[in-house]
Amino acid sequence: MTDIRIRAATRDDVAFLVDANAAMALETENKTLDRERLTRGVAAVFDAAGRGFYRIAERDGQAVGCLLVTFEWSDWRDGDWWWIQSVYVAPEARRYGVFRALYRDVETAAQATPRVVGLRLYVEWENARAQQTYAALGMEQEHYHLYARPFVALG
């Protein structure tokens, strides 16, 4: 496997990001996302920097992975948590350090950004492999349960 290069995503990456998000939703939650809505949602990140940013992992000039970082203000810590979301690595690129490279890139950027208080992500309860990966990167399981009240249905 050749070197993995991490870069900021641009509007030119919207098609890849949409494909990656759709594949991840189908694979992890057996959900088929509405591609028109998903395309608008991905593109909206590029319309307002306050929504977050995407990172792309490339191998041999081809996109093989991505993630989204969004922000959550913490009044307790007087700073932002960076949430890692929409993580996807193409099946043929898995187990070669693609996510690790993406994570390290975000971790480095977060540590260099004033008032970023840490990184968070959520993971399916059953996804033991991902949980092991996150722990190996130094992340700790928190004691919270996640609750939601969706107003928009997926699919």
N, C-alpha and C. Protein backbone atom coordinates (compact mmCIF):
# COMPACT_ATOMS: atom_id res chain seq x y z
N MET A 1 0.85 -1.18 0.00
CA MET A 1 0.00 0.00 0.00
C MET A 1 0.89 1.24 0.00
N THR A 2 0.54 2.17 -0.83
CA THR A 2 1.32 3.41 -0.89
C THR A 2 0.91 4.35 0.23
N ASP A 3 1.59 5.46 0.31
CA ASP A 3 1.31 6.43 1.36
C ASP A 3 -0.11 6.98 1.24
N ILE A 4 -0.64 7.32 2.40
CA ILE A 4 -1.96 7.93 2.48
C ILE A 4 -1.77 9.43 2.66
N ARG A 5 -2.45 10.19 1.86
CA ARG A 5 -2.38 11.66 1.92
C ARG A 5 -3.71 12.18 2.42
N ILE A 6 -3.70 13.06 3.41
CA ILE A 6 -4.91 13.67 3.94
C ILE A 6 -4.96 15.12 3.48
N ARG A 7 -6.14 15.52 3.04
CA ARG A 7 -6.31 16.90 2.58
C ARG A 7 -7.70 17.40 2.94
N ALA A 8 -7.86 18.71 2.90
CA ALA A 8 -9.17 19.32 3.10
C ALA A 8 -10.04 18.99 1.90
N ALA A 9 -11.28 18.67 2.15
CA ALA A 9 -12.23 18.45 1.06
C ALA A 9 -12.64 19.79 0.46
N THR A 10 -13.02 19.74 -0.80
CA THR A 10 -13.52 20.92 -1.51
C THR A 10 -14.86 20.57 -2.15
N ARG A 11 -15.48 21.57 -2.73
CA ARG A 11 -16.75 21.31 -3.44
C ARG A 11 -16.58 20.26 -4.54
N ASP A 12 -15.38 20.15 -5.08
CA ASP A 12 -15.14 19.13 -6.11
C ASP A 12 -15.28 17.71 -5.57
N ASP A 13 -15.27 17.56 -4.26
CA ASP A 13 -15.38 16.25 -3.63
C ASP A 13 -16.81 15.87 -3.26
N VAL A 14 -17.78 16.72 -3.54
CA VAL A 14 -19.15 16.45 -3.10
C VAL A 14 -19.64 15.09 -3.58
N ALA A 15 -19.41 14.73 -4.82
CA ALA A 15 -19.90 13.44 -5.33
C ALA A 15 -19.30 12.28 -4.54
N PHE A 16 -17.99 12.32 -4.26
CA PHE A 16 -17.37 11.27 -3.45
C PHE A 16 -17.96 11.24 -2.05
N LEU A 17 -18.12 12.40 -1.43
CA LEU A 17 -18.66 12.47 -0.07
C LEU A 17 -20.09 11.93 -0.01
N VAL A 18 -20.88 12.24 -1.01
CA VAL A 18 -22.25 11.71 -1.07
C VAL A 18 -22.21 10.19 -1.21
N ASP A 19 -21.40 9.70 -2.13
CA ASP A 19 -21.28 8.24 -2.30
C ASP A 19 -20.81 7.57 -1.01
N ALA A 20 -19.83 8.16 -0.34
CA ALA A 20 -19.29 7.59 0.89
C ALA A 20 -20.34 7.57 2.00
N ASN A 21 -21.06 8.66 2.15
CA ASN A 21 -22.11 8.72 3.18
C ASN A 21 -23.22 7.72 2.90
N ALA A 22 -23.60 7.61 1.65
CA ALA A 22 -24.66 6.66 1.29
C ALA A 22 -24.20 5.23 1.57
N ALA A 23 -22.97 4.91 1.21
CA ALA A 23 -22.44 3.57 1.45
C ALA A 23 -22.33 3.28 2.95
N MET A 24 -21.87 4.25 3.72
CA MET A 24 -21.74 4.06 5.16
C MET A 24 -23.10 3.84 5.82
N ALA A 25 -24.11 4.60 5.43
CA ALA A 25 -25.45 4.45 6.02
C ALA A 25 -26.03 3.07 5.70
N LEU A 26 -25.82 2.62 4.47
CA LEU A 26 -26.33 1.31 4.08
C LEU A 26 -25.59 0.21 4.83
N GLU A 27 -24.29 0.33 4.93
CA GLU A 27 -23.47 -0.70 5.57
C GLU A 27 -23.68 -0.77 7.08
N THR A 28 -23.73 0.37 7.74
CA THR A 28 -23.77 0.37 9.20
C THR A 28 -25.18 0.35 9.79
N GLU A 29 -26.14 0.93 9.09
CA GLU A 29 -27.48 1.03 9.64
C GLU A 29 -28.55 0.47 8.71
N ASN A 30 -28.13 -0.10 7.58
CA ASN A 30 -29.06 -0.65 6.60
C ASN A 30 -30.10 0.39 6.17
N LYS A 31 -29.63 1.64 6.01
CA LYS A 31 -30.51 2.74 5.60
C LYS A 31 -30.10 3.22 4.23
N THR A 32 -31.09 3.41 3.38
CA THR A 32 -30.87 4.00 2.07
C THR A 32 -31.23 5.47 2.17
N LEU A 33 -30.25 6.33 2.02
CA LEU A 33 -30.48 7.76 2.15
C LEU A 33 -31.02 8.36 0.87
N ASP A 34 -31.82 9.38 1.01
CA ASP A 34 -32.31 10.16 -0.12
C ASP A 34 -31.11 10.93 -0.67
N ARG A 35 -30.67 10.60 -1.87
CA ARG A 35 -29.43 11.17 -2.40
C ARG A 35 -29.55 12.67 -2.69
N GLU A 36 -30.73 13.11 -3.07
CA GLU A 36 -30.91 14.55 -3.32
C GLU A 36 -30.74 15.33 -2.02
N ARG A 37 -31.37 14.86 -0.95
CA ARG A 37 -31.23 15.51 0.35
C ARG A 37 -29.79 15.41 0.84
N LEU A 38 -29.19 14.24 0.69
CA LEU A 38 -27.81 14.04 1.12
C LEU A 38 -26.86 14.97 0.37
N THR A 39 -27.06 15.13 -0.92
CA THR A 39 -26.21 16.03 -1.71
C THR A 39 -26.34 17.46 -1.19
N ARG A 40 -27.56 17.89 -0.92
CA ARG A 40 -27.75 19.24 -0.35
C ARG A 40 -27.06 19.36 1.00
N GLY A 41 -27.17 18.32 1.83
CA GLY A 41 -26.57 18.35 3.16
C GLY A 41 -25.05 18.41 3.11
N VAL A 42 -24.45 17.63 2.23
CA VAL A 42 -23.00 17.65 2.09
C VAL A 42 -22.55 19.01 1.56
N ALA A 43 -23.20 19.49 0.53
CA ALA A 43 -22.82 20.78 -0.07
C ALA A 43 -22.98 21.92 0.93
N ALA A 44 -23.94 21.82 1.84
CA ALA A 44 -24.19 22.88 2.80
C ALA A 44 -23.00 23.12 3.73
N VAL A 45 -22.19 22.10 3.95
CA VAL A 45 -21.00 22.26 4.79
C VAL A 45 -20.05 23.28 4.17
N PHE A 46 -20.00 23.31 2.84
CA PHE A 46 -19.11 24.24 2.15
C PHE A 46 -19.69 25.65 2.08
N ASP A 47 -20.99 25.79 2.38
CA ASP A 47 -21.64 27.09 2.36
C ASP A 47 -21.44 27.89 3.63
N ALA A 48 -21.16 27.20 4.74
CA ALA A 48 -21.03 27.88 6.03
C ALA A 48 -19.97 27.18 6.86
N ALA A 49 -18.84 27.83 7.05
CA ALA A 49 -17.72 27.22 7.77
C ALA A 49 -18.10 26.80 9.19
N GLY A 50 -19.08 27.46 9.78
CA GLY A 50 -19.51 27.12 11.13
C GLY A 50 -20.16 25.76 11.24
N ARG A 51 -20.50 25.16 10.12
CA ARG A 51 -21.10 23.82 10.15
C ARG A 51 -20.05 22.74 10.36
N GLY A 52 -18.84 23.00 9.91
CA GLY A 52 -17.80 22.00 10.05
C GLY A 52 -16.93 21.93 8.81
N PHE A 53 -16.22 20.81 8.69
CA PHE A 53 -15.36 20.62 7.52
C PHE A 53 -15.14 19.13 7.30
N TYR A 54 -14.86 18.80 6.06
CA TYR A 54 -14.55 17.42 5.68
C TYR A 54 -13.06 17.27 5.44
N ARG A 55 -12.56 16.07 5.69
CA ARG A 55 -11.21 15.68 5.31
C ARG A 55 -11.33 14.46 4.40
N ILE A 56 -10.41 14.40 3.44
CA ILE A 56 -10.36 13.31 2.47
C ILE A 56 -9.02 12.59 2.61
N ALA A 57 -9.07 11.27 2.58
CA ALA A 57 -7.85 10.45 2.53
C ALA A 57 -7.70 9.95 1.10
N GLU A 58 -6.49 10.13 0.57
CA GLU A 58 -6.20 9.67 -0.80
C GLU A 58 -5.07 8.66 -0.79
N ARG A 59 -5.17 7.73 -1.70
CA ARG A 59 -4.09 6.77 -1.97
C ARG A 59 -3.92 6.74 -3.48
N ASP A 60 -2.71 6.96 -3.95
CA ASP A 60 -2.44 7.01 -5.39
C ASP A 60 -3.36 8.00 -6.11
N GLY A 61 -3.64 9.13 -5.45
CA GLY A 61 -4.46 10.17 -6.06
C GLY A 61 -5.95 9.89 -6.07
N GLN A 62 -6.38 8.77 -5.49
CA GLN A 62 -7.80 8.40 -5.46
C GLN A 62 -8.33 8.55 -4.04
N ALA A 63 -9.51 9.13 -3.90
CA ALA A 63 -10.15 9.25 -2.59
C ALA A 63 -10.55 7.86 -2.11
N VAL A 64 -10.11 7.51 -0.89
CA VAL A 64 -10.44 6.20 -0.32
C VAL A 64 -11.08 6.31 1.06
N GLY A 65 -11.18 7.52 1.59
CA GLY A 65 -11.80 7.68 2.89
C GLY A 65 -12.12 9.13 3.16
N CYS A 66 -12.97 9.34 4.17
CA CYS A 66 -13.36 10.71 4.52
C CYS A 66 -13.95 10.73 5.92
N LEU A 67 -14.06 11.91 6.43
CA LEU A 67 -14.80 12.15 7.66
C LEU A 67 -15.24 13.61 7.68
N LEU A 68 -16.20 13.87 8.54
CA LEU A 68 -16.73 15.22 8.76
C LEU A 68 -16.45 15.60 10.20
N VAL A 69 -16.04 16.83 10.42
CA VAL A 69 -15.90 17.38 11.77
C VAL A 69 -16.94 18.47 11.94
N THR A 70 -17.73 18.36 13.01
CA THR A 70 -18.68 19.42 13.37
C THR A 70 -18.32 19.92 14.76
N PHE A 71 -18.95 20.99 15.19
CA PHE A 71 -18.57 21.66 16.42
C PHE A 71 -19.70 21.67 17.44
N GLU A 72 -19.33 21.48 18.71
CA GLU A 72 -20.28 21.60 19.82
C GLU A 72 -19.65 22.49 20.89
N TRP A 73 -20.31 23.59 21.19
CA TRP A 73 -19.82 24.49 22.21
C TRP A 73 -20.01 23.86 23.59
N SER A 74 -18.98 23.96 24.43
CA SER A 74 -19.05 23.49 25.81
C SER A 74 -18.92 24.68 26.74
N ASP A 75 -20.01 25.04 27.40
CA ASP A 75 -19.93 26.14 28.36
C ASP A 75 -19.10 25.73 29.57
N TRP A 76 -19.10 24.46 29.93
CA TRP A 76 -18.30 23.99 31.06
C TRP A 76 -16.82 24.18 30.81
N ARG A 77 -16.40 24.04 29.57
CA ARG A 77 -14.97 24.09 29.25
C ARG A 77 -14.56 25.36 28.51
N ASP A 78 -15.57 26.18 28.16
CA ASP A 78 -15.31 27.42 27.44
C ASP A 78 -14.55 27.14 26.14
N GLY A 79 -15.07 26.20 25.38
CA GLY A 79 -14.45 25.85 24.12
C GLY A 79 -15.29 24.87 23.34
N ASP A 80 -14.79 24.49 22.18
CA ASP A 80 -15.51 23.58 21.28
C ASP A 80 -15.00 22.15 21.38
N TRP A 81 -15.93 21.22 21.43
CA TRP A 81 -15.63 19.83 21.12
C TRP A 81 -15.70 19.70 19.61
N TRP A 82 -14.78 18.99 19.02
CA TRP A 82 -14.87 18.64 17.61
C TRP A 82 -15.44 17.23 17.54
N TRP A 83 -16.57 17.09 16.88
CA TRP A 83 -17.23 15.80 16.69
C TRP A 83 -16.80 15.21 15.35
N ILE A 84 -16.32 14.00 15.38
CA ILE A 84 -15.97 13.27 14.17
C ILE A 84 -17.20 12.48 13.74
N GLN A 85 -17.63 12.71 12.51
CA GLN A 85 -18.85 12.09 12.00
C GLN A 85 -18.62 11.62 10.56
N SER A 86 -19.60 10.90 10.05
CA SER A 86 -19.62 10.50 8.64
C SER A 86 -18.29 9.89 8.21
N VAL A 87 -17.78 9.00 9.04
CA VAL A 87 -16.51 8.32 8.75
C VAL A 87 -16.77 7.21 7.73
N TYR A 88 -15.94 7.21 6.69
CA TYR A 88 -16.04 6.12 5.71
C TYR A 88 -14.66 5.83 5.13
N VAL A 89 -14.37 4.54 5.03
CA VAL A 89 -13.17 4.07 4.34
C VAL A 89 -13.63 3.01 3.36
N ALA A 90 -13.24 3.16 2.10
CA ALA A 90 -13.61 2.21 1.06
C ALA A 90 -13.16 0.80 1.47
N PRO A 91 -13.97 -0.22 1.21
CA PRO A 91 -13.63 -1.58 1.64
C PRO A 91 -12.23 -2.03 1.25
N GLU A 92 -11.79 -1.72 0.04
CA GLU A 92 -10.47 -2.16 -0.41
C GLU A 92 -9.32 -1.45 0.30
N ALA A 93 -9.62 -0.37 1.02
CA ALA A 93 -8.58 0.41 1.71
C ALA A 93 -8.60 0.19 3.22
N ARG A 94 -9.48 -0.66 3.70
CA ARG A 94 -9.60 -0.88 5.14
C ARG A 94 -8.43 -1.70 5.68
N ARG A 95 -8.09 -1.43 6.93
CA ARG A 95 -7.03 -2.13 7.65
C ARG A 95 -5.64 -1.73 7.14
N TYR A 96 -5.56 -0.57 6.49
CA TYR A 96 -4.27 -0.06 6.01
C TYR A 96 -3.91 1.29 6.64
N GLY A 97 -4.63 1.68 7.68
CA GLY A 97 -4.30 2.91 8.37
C GLY A 97 -4.96 4.16 7.83
N VAL A 98 -5.98 4.01 6.99
CA VAL A 98 -6.65 5.18 6.42
C VAL A 98 -7.35 5.98 7.51
N PHE A 99 -8.16 5.31 8.33
CA PHE A 99 -8.83 6.06 9.39
C PHE A 99 -7.81 6.64 10.36
N ARG A 100 -6.80 5.87 10.71
CA ARG A 100 -5.77 6.36 11.63
C ARG A 100 -5.16 7.66 11.09
N ALA A 101 -4.88 7.71 9.80
CA ALA A 101 -4.30 8.92 9.19
C ALA A 101 -5.29 10.08 9.25
N LEU A 102 -6.55 9.81 8.96
CA LEU A 102 -7.58 10.85 9.05
C LEU A 102 -7.68 11.37 10.49
N TYR A 103 -7.73 10.45 11.43
CA TYR A 103 -7.85 10.82 12.84
C TYR A 103 -6.67 11.66 13.30
N ARG A 104 -5.46 11.22 12.98
CA ARG A 104 -4.27 11.96 13.41
C ARG A 104 -4.25 13.37 12.82
N ASP A 105 -4.71 13.50 11.57
CA ASP A 105 -4.78 14.82 10.94
C ASP A 105 -5.73 15.73 11.71
N VAL A 106 -6.89 15.21 12.06
CA VAL A 106 -7.87 16.01 12.80
C VAL A 106 -7.36 16.30 14.21
N GLU A 107 -6.76 15.31 14.85
CA GLU A 107 -6.23 15.50 16.20
C GLU A 107 -5.17 16.60 16.22
N THR A 108 -4.28 16.58 15.25
CA THR A 108 -3.23 17.59 15.15
C THR A 108 -3.83 18.97 14.95
N ALA A 109 -4.81 19.07 14.05
CA ALA A 109 -5.46 20.36 13.79
C ALA A 109 -6.21 20.85 15.03
N ALA A 110 -6.88 19.94 15.72
CA ALA A 110 -7.62 20.33 16.92
C ALA A 110 -6.68 20.85 18.01
N GLN A 111 -5.56 20.18 18.21
CA GLN A 111 -4.62 20.59 19.24
C GLN A 111 -3.97 21.93 18.90
N ALA A 112 -3.92 22.27 17.63
CA ALA A 112 -3.31 23.53 17.20
C ALA A 112 -4.32 24.67 17.12
N THR A 113 -5.60 24.37 17.36
CA THR A 113 -6.65 25.38 17.25
C THR A 113 -7.07 25.84 18.65
N PRO A 114 -6.93 27.13 18.93
CA PRO A 114 -7.31 27.64 20.25
C PRO A 114 -8.76 27.30 20.58
N ARG A 115 -8.99 26.96 21.83
CA ARG A 115 -10.32 26.72 22.41
C ARG A 115 -10.99 25.44 21.91
N VAL A 116 -10.23 24.55 21.29
CA VAL A 116 -10.77 23.22 21.03
C VAL A 116 -10.43 22.39 22.26
N VAL A 117 -11.46 21.81 22.88
CA VAL A 117 -11.28 21.13 24.16
C VAL A 117 -11.15 19.62 24.02
N GLY A 118 -11.40 19.09 22.83
CA GLY A 118 -11.23 17.65 22.64
C GLY A 118 -11.99 17.16 21.42
N LEU A 119 -11.87 15.85 21.22
CA LEU A 119 -12.53 15.18 20.11
C LEU A 119 -13.57 14.21 20.65
N ARG A 120 -14.67 14.09 19.95
CA ARG A 120 -15.72 13.14 20.30
C ARG A 120 -16.24 12.50 19.03
N LEU A 121 -16.81 11.32 19.21
CA LEU A 121 -17.53 10.66 18.13
C LEU A 121 -18.51 9.70 18.75
N TYR A 122 -19.44 9.23 17.96
CA TYR A 122 -20.34 8.18 18.44
C TYR A 122 -20.16 6.97 17.55
N VAL A 123 -20.47 5.81 18.11
CA VAL A 123 -20.26 4.55 17.41
C VAL A 123 -21.40 3.61 17.78
N GLU A 124 -21.79 2.78 16.83
CA GLU A 124 -22.83 1.78 17.09
C GLU A 124 -22.37 0.85 18.21
N TRP A 125 -23.28 0.47 19.09
CA TRP A 125 -22.95 -0.42 20.21
C TRP A 125 -22.31 -1.72 19.74
N GLU A 126 -22.77 -2.24 18.59
CA GLU A 126 -22.31 -3.53 18.10
C GLU A 126 -20.99 -3.47 17.33
N ASN A 127 -20.50 -2.29 17.03
CA ASN A 127 -19.32 -2.15 16.19
C ASN A 127 -18.04 -2.26 17.02
N ALA A 128 -17.75 -3.49 17.44
CA ALA A 128 -16.60 -3.73 18.32
C ALA A 128 -15.28 -3.36 17.65
N ARG A 129 -15.15 -3.63 16.37
CA ARG A 129 -13.89 -3.31 15.67
C ARG A 129 -13.61 -1.81 15.71
N ALA A 130 -14.62 -1.00 15.42
CA ALA A 130 -14.43 0.45 15.46
C ALA A 130 -14.09 0.90 16.88
N GLN A 131 -14.78 0.35 17.86
CA GLN A 131 -14.50 0.73 19.25
C GLN A 131 -13.06 0.41 19.63
N GLN A 132 -12.55 -0.73 19.19
CA GLN A 132 -11.16 -1.08 19.46
C GLN A 132 -10.20 -0.10 18.78
N THR A 133 -10.54 0.28 17.56
CA THR A 133 -9.71 1.25 16.84
C THR A 133 -9.67 2.58 17.58
N TYR A 134 -10.82 3.08 18.01
CA TYR A 134 -10.88 4.36 18.71
C TYR A 134 -10.10 4.30 20.02
N ALA A 135 -10.23 3.21 20.76
CA ALA A 135 -9.48 3.05 22.01
C ALA A 135 -7.98 3.02 21.74
N ALA A 136 -7.56 2.35 20.66
CA ALA A 136 -6.14 2.26 20.32
C ALA A 136 -5.57 3.63 19.97
N LEU A 137 -6.42 4.55 19.53
CA LEU A 137 -5.99 5.90 19.19
C LEU A 137 -5.97 6.82 20.41
N GLY A 138 -6.36 6.29 21.57
CA GLY A 138 -6.33 7.09 22.79
C GLY A 138 -7.67 7.66 23.21
N MET A 139 -8.73 7.33 22.48
CA MET A 139 -10.05 7.82 22.87
C MET A 139 -10.60 6.94 23.99
N GLU A 140 -11.44 7.53 24.82
CA GLU A 140 -12.03 6.81 25.95
C GLU A 140 -13.54 6.79 25.81
N GLN A 141 -14.13 5.67 26.21
CA GLN A 141 -15.59 5.58 26.19
C GLN A 141 -16.15 6.49 27.28
N GLU A 142 -17.13 7.30 26.92
CA GLU A 142 -17.75 8.18 27.90
C GLU A 142 -18.95 7.48 28.53
N HIS A 143 -19.46 8.07 29.56
CA HIS A 143 -20.54 7.43 30.31
C HIS A 143 -21.93 7.92 29.91
N TYR A 144 -22.04 8.55 28.75
CA TYR A 144 -23.32 9.08 28.29
C TYR A 144 -24.04 8.10 27.37
N HIS A 145 -25.34 8.14 27.41
CA HIS A 145 -26.17 7.51 26.38
C HIS A 145 -26.64 8.64 25.48
N LEU A 146 -26.77 8.36 24.22
CA LEU A 146 -27.20 9.37 23.25
C LEU A 146 -28.70 9.23 23.01
N TYR A 147 -29.42 10.33 23.13
CA TYR A 147 -30.85 10.36 22.85
C TYR A 147 -31.10 11.33 21.71
N ALA A 148 -32.15 11.10 20.96
CA ALA A 148 -32.47 11.99 19.84
C ALA A 148 -33.97 12.08 19.67
N ARG A 149 -34.42 13.16 19.12
CA ARG A 149 -35.82 13.35 18.72
C ARG A 149 -35.79 13.87 17.30
N PRO A 150 -35.70 12.93 16.32
CA PRO A 150 -35.60 13.36 14.92
C PRO A 150 -36.88 14.04 14.43
N PHE A 151 -36.71 15.04 13.60
CA PHE A 151 -37.82 15.71 12.94
C PHE A 151 -37.84 15.44 11.44
N VAL A 152 -36.76 14.86 10.92
CA VAL A 152 -36.66 14.54 9.49
C VAL A 152 -36.34 13.07 9.37
N ALA A 153 -37.16 12.34 8.64
CA ALA A 153 -36.91 10.91 8.42
C ALA A 153 -35.84 10.72 7.35
N LEU A 154 -35.06 9.68 7.50
CA LEU A 154 -34.06 9.36 6.48
C LEU A 154 -34.67 8.42 5.44
N GLY A 155 -34.10 8.50 4.25
CA GLY A 155 -34.55 7.59 3.20
C GLY A 155 -35.47 8.23 2.23
